[in-house]
């Protein structure tokens, strides 16, 4: 009887822990994906803003 109770207690707990770990991994995955996306978007935006300025500076230096 004691083993039966222990078994029924243990199984949902381990399933819950597995689910929590899985959820944490998914959250970390999407946070990293978002950071990569924001990083690349940020770089592109900065690149677009900086590019015309550097071109003007190069033209001034050449002239």
C-alpha atoms as a PDB file:
ATOM      1  CA  UNK A   1       0.000   0.000   0.000  1.00  0.00           C
ATOM      2  CA  UNK A   2       2.803   2.381   0.903  1.00  0.00           C
ATOM      3  CA  UNK A   3       4.638   1.658  -2.363  1.00  0.00           C
ATOM      4  CA  UNK A   4       1.454   2.315  -4.320  1.00  0.00           C
ATOM      5  CA  UNK A   5       1.001   5.712  -2.640  1.00  0.00           C
ATOM      6  CA  UNK A   6       4.645   6.577  -3.132  1.00  0.00           C
ATOM      7  CA  UNK A   7       4.483   5.586  -6.813  1.00  0.00           C
ATOM      8  CA  UNK A   8       1.352   7.631  -7.478  1.00  0.00           C
ATOM      9  CA  UNK A   9       2.973  10.624  -5.780  1.00  0.00           C
ATOM     10  CA  UNK A  10       6.290  10.264  -7.583  1.00  0.00           C
ATOM     11  CA  UNK A  11       5.016   9.997 -11.156  1.00  0.00           C
ATOM     12  CA  UNK A  12       3.081  13.297 -11.454  1.00  0.00           C
ATOM     13  CA  UNK A  13       5.920  15.105  -9.688  1.00  0.00           C
ATOM     14  CA  UNK A  14       8.572  13.865 -12.116  1.00  0.00           C
ATOM     15  CA  UNK A  15       6.246  14.648 -15.039  1.00  0.00           C
ATOM     16  CA  UNK A  16       5.761  18.172 -13.687  1.00  0.00           C
ATOM     17  CA  UNK A  17       9.511  18.709 -13.304  1.00  0.00           C
ATOM     18  CA  UNK A  18      10.122  17.428 -16.838  1.00  0.00           C
ATOM     19  CA  UNK A  19       7.452  19.804 -18.156  1.00  0.00           C
ATOM     20  CA  UNK A  20       8.978  22.741 -16.259  1.00  0.00           C
ATOM     21  CA  UNK A  21      12.462  22.013 -17.609  1.00  0.00           C
ATOM     22  CA  UNK A  22      11.025  21.735 -21.118  1.00  0.00           C
ATOM     23  CA  UNK A  23       9.215  25.073 -20.719  1.00  0.00           C
ATOM     24  CA  UNK A  24      12.386  26.770 -19.471  1.00  0.00           C
ATOM     25  CA  UNK A  25      14.354  25.437 -22.449  1.00  0.00           C
ATOM     26  CA  UNK A  26      11.688  26.727 -24.853  1.00  0.00           C
ATOM     27  CA  UNK A  27      11.698  30.160 -23.174  1.00  0.00           C
ATOM     28  CA  UNK A  28      15.505  30.383 -23.339  1.00  0.00           C
ATOM     29  CA  UNK A  29      15.410  29.298 -26.990  1.00  0.00           C
ATOM     30  CA  UNK A  30      12.945  32.031 -27.943  1.00  0.00           C
ATOM     31  CA  UNK A  31      14.748  34.689 -25.881  1.00  0.00           C
ATOM     32  CA  UNK A  32      17.997  33.894 -27.703  1.00  0.00           C
ATOM     33  CA  UNK A  33      16.175  33.886 -31.043  1.00  0.00           C
ATOM     34  CA  UNK A  34      14.657  37.289 -30.230  1.00  0.00           C
ATOM     35  CA  UNK A  35      18.048  38.665 -29.181  1.00  0.00           C
ATOM     36  CA  UNK A  36      19.594  37.474 -32.441  1.00  0.00           C
ATOM     37  CA  UNK A  37      16.757  39.005 -34.445  1.00  0.00           C
ATOM     38  CA  UNK A  38      16.933  42.293 -32.554  1.00  0.00           C
ATOM     39  CA  UNK A  39      20.709  42.307 -32.848  1.00  0.00           C
ATOM     40  CA  UNK A  40      20.628  41.827 -36.610  1.00  0.00           C
ATOM     41  CA  UNK A  41      17.798  44.350 -37.014  1.00  0.00           C
ATOM     42  CA  UNK A  42      19.718  46.838 -34.869  1.00  0.00           C
ATOM     43  CA  UNK A  43      22.876  46.336 -36.904  1.00  0.00           C
ATOM     44  CA  UNK A  44      20.969  46.837 -40.134  1.00  0.00           C
ATOM     45  CA  UNK A  45      19.354  50.030 -38.827  1.00  0.00           C
ATOM     46  CA  UNK A  46      22.658  51.429 -37.577  1.00  0.00           C
ATOM     47  CA  UNK A  47      24.319  50.376 -40.840  1.00  0.00           C
ATOM     48  CA  UNK A  48      21.707  52.278 -42.848  1.00  0.00           C
ATOM     49  CA  UNK A  49      22.183  55.377 -40.699  1.00  0.00           C
ATOM     50  CA  UNK A  50      25.983  55.292 -40.649  1.00  0.00           C
ATOM     51  CA  UNK A  51      26.566  54.378 -44.295  1.00  0.00           C
ATOM     52  CA  UNK A  52      25.588  57.738 -45.900  1.00  0.00           C
ATOM     53  CA  UNK A  53      27.710  59.639 -43.349  1.00  0.00           C
ATOM     54  CA  UNK A  54      30.817  57.567 -44.001  1.00  0.00           C
ATOM     55  CA  UNK A  55      30.296  57.940 -47.745  1.00  0.00           C
ATOM     56  CA  UNK A  56      30.151  61.739 -47.349  1.00  0.00           C
ATOM     57  CA  UNK A  57      33.282  61.702 -45.212  1.00  0.00           C
ATOM     58  CA  UNK A  58      35.132  59.638 -47.824  1.00  0.00           C
ATOM     59  CA  UNK A  59      34.021  62.038 -50.564  1.00  0.00           C
ATOM     60  CA  UNK A  60      35.264  65.018 -48.513  1.00  0.00           C
ATOM     61  CA  UNK A  61      38.585  63.290 -47.850  1.00  0.00           C
ATOM     62  CA  UNK A  62      39.006  62.521 -51.557  1.00  0.00           C
ATOM     63  CA  UNK A  63      38.159  66.091 -52.642  1.00  0.00           C
END
